[in-house]
Amino acid sequence: MTPDTNKSANVAEKMKTVKAAWDKAPSGPKKDAALKHYRAAEKAHLAKNDADTHKELDAATHALA
């Protein structure tokens, strides 16, 4: 696996993990905030901006905590 492929796989795996946590979270302001960050992460991922994707996924995880 090339380093770029490995990074993309890590980002995709992290997105799946955060989405699963979001799916399990109870409705409320924390879940709403996490969704905003998750959507921003999706946009960053489509733009191939791994740094922003990780930042937004971390923010989504923090919002759910």
C-alpha atoms as a PDB file:
ATOM      1  CA  MET A   1       0.000   0.000   0.000  1.00  0.00           C
ATOM      2  CA  THR A   2       1.363   3.424  -0.887  1.00  0.00           C
ATOM      3  CA  PRO A   3       1.523   6.135   1.776  1.00  0.00           C
ATOM      4  CA  ASP A   4      -1.289   8.086   0.063  1.00  0.00           C
ATOM      5  CA  THR A   5      -3.491   5.012  -0.089  1.00  0.00           C
ATOM      6  CA  ASN A   6      -2.768   4.279   3.559  1.00  0.00           C
ATOM      7  CA  LYS A   7      -3.701   7.853   4.576  1.00  0.00           C
ATOM      8  CA  SER A   8      -6.943   7.645   2.637  1.00  0.00           C
ATOM      9  CA  ALA A   9      -7.776   4.322   4.267  1.00  0.00           C
ATOM     10  CA  ASN A  10      -7.109   5.819   7.715  1.00  0.00           C
ATOM     11  CA  VAL A  11      -9.368   8.790   6.985  1.00  0.00           C
ATOM     12  CA  ALA A  12     -12.113   6.541   5.635  1.00  0.00           C
ATOM     13  CA  GLU A  13     -11.876   4.289   8.682  1.00  0.00           C
ATOM     14  CA  LYS A  14     -12.006   7.269  11.042  1.00  0.00           C
ATOM     15  CA  MET A  15     -15.065   8.599   9.208  1.00  0.00           C
ATOM     16  CA  LYS A  16     -16.815   5.247   9.642  1.00  0.00           C
ATOM     17  CA  THR A  17     -15.960   5.201  13.349  1.00  0.00           C
ATOM     18  CA  VAL A  18     -17.231   8.734  13.952  1.00  0.00           C
ATOM     19  CA  LYS A  19     -20.401   8.062  11.928  1.00  0.00           C
ATOM     20  CA  ALA A  20     -21.087   4.935  13.974  1.00  0.00           C
ATOM     21  CA  ALA A  21     -20.659   6.907  17.213  1.00  0.00           C
ATOM     22  CA  TRP A  22     -22.963   9.612  15.869  1.00  0.00           C
ATOM     23  CA  ASP A  23     -25.591   7.025  14.902  1.00  0.00           C
ATOM     24  CA  LYS A  24     -25.602   5.630  18.456  1.00  0.00           C
ATOM     25  CA  ALA A  25     -25.747   9.023  20.178  1.00  0.00           C
ATOM     26  CA  PRO A  26     -29.040  10.234  21.632  1.00  0.00           C
ATOM     27  CA  SER A  27     -30.761  13.147  19.923  1.00  0.00           C
ATOM     28  CA  GLY A  28     -29.923  16.576  21.214  1.00  0.00           C
ATOM     29  CA  PRO A  29     -27.601  19.543  20.842  1.00  0.00           C
ATOM     30  CA  LYS A  30     -24.430  17.435  21.086  1.00  0.00           C
ATOM     31  CA  LYS A  31     -25.557  15.237  18.215  1.00  0.00           C
ATOM     32  CA  ASP A  32     -26.531  18.294  16.162  1.00  0.00           C
ATOM     33  CA  ALA A  33     -23.117  19.895  16.724  1.00  0.00           C
ATOM     34  CA  ALA A  34     -21.353  16.656  15.837  1.00  0.00           C
ATOM     35  CA  LEU A  35     -23.343  16.412  12.599  1.00  0.00           C
ATOM     36  CA  LYS A  36     -22.163  19.869  11.518  1.00  0.00           C
ATOM     37  CA  HIS A  37     -18.563  18.818  12.046  1.00  0.00           C
ATOM     38  CA  TYR A  38     -19.114  15.474  10.316  1.00  0.00           C
ATOM     39  CA  ARG A  39     -20.574  17.203   7.261  1.00  0.00           C
ATOM     40  CA  ALA A  40     -17.595  19.589   7.199  1.00  0.00           C
ATOM     41  CA  ALA A  41     -15.322  16.531   7.371  1.00  0.00           C
ATOM     42  CA  GLU A  42     -17.119  15.005   4.388  1.00  0.00           C
ATOM     43  CA  LYS A  43     -16.563  18.189   2.371  1.00  0.00           C
ATOM     44  CA  ALA A  44     -12.893  18.289   3.350  1.00  0.00           C
ATOM     45  CA  HIS A  45     -12.524  14.622   2.450  1.00  0.00           C
ATOM     46  CA  LEU A  46     -14.034  15.207  -0.990  1.00  0.00           C
ATOM     47  CA  ALA A  47     -11.562  18.064  -1.456  1.00  0.00           C
ATOM     48  CA  LYS A  48      -8.782  15.623  -0.492  1.00  0.00           C
ATOM     49  CA  ASN A  49      -7.828  17.781   2.495  1.00  0.00           C
ATOM     50  CA  ASP A  50      -6.846  15.172   5.083  1.00  0.00           C
ATOM     51  CA  ALA A  51      -5.753  17.700   7.713  1.00  0.00           C
ATOM     52  CA  ASP A  52      -9.131  19.448   7.775  1.00  0.00           C
ATOM     53  CA  THR A  53     -10.927  16.110   7.606  1.00  0.00           C
ATOM     54  CA  HIS A  54      -9.127  14.887  10.726  1.00  0.00           C
ATOM     55  CA  LYS A  55      -9.701  18.221  12.480  1.00  0.00           C
ATOM     56  CA  GLU A  56     -13.449  18.103  11.820  1.00  0.00           C
ATOM     57  CA  LEU A  57     -13.725  14.425  12.773  1.00  0.00           C
ATOM     58  CA  ASP A  58     -11.925  15.174  16.048  1.00  0.00           C
ATOM     59  CA  ALA A  59     -14.316  18.073  16.652  1.00  0.00           C
ATOM     60  CA  ALA A  60     -17.299  15.799  15.970  1.00  0.00           C
ATOM     61  CA  THR A  61     -15.965  13.219  18.414  1.00  0.00           C
ATOM     62  CA  HIS A  62     -15.418  15.923  21.028  1.00  0.00           C
ATOM     63  CA  ALA A  63     -18.957  17.275  20.487  1.00  0.00           C
ATOM     64  CA  LEU A  64     -20.396  13.839  21.232  1.00  0.00           C
ATOM     65  CA  ALA A  65     -18.407  13.457  24.452  1.00  0.00           C
END
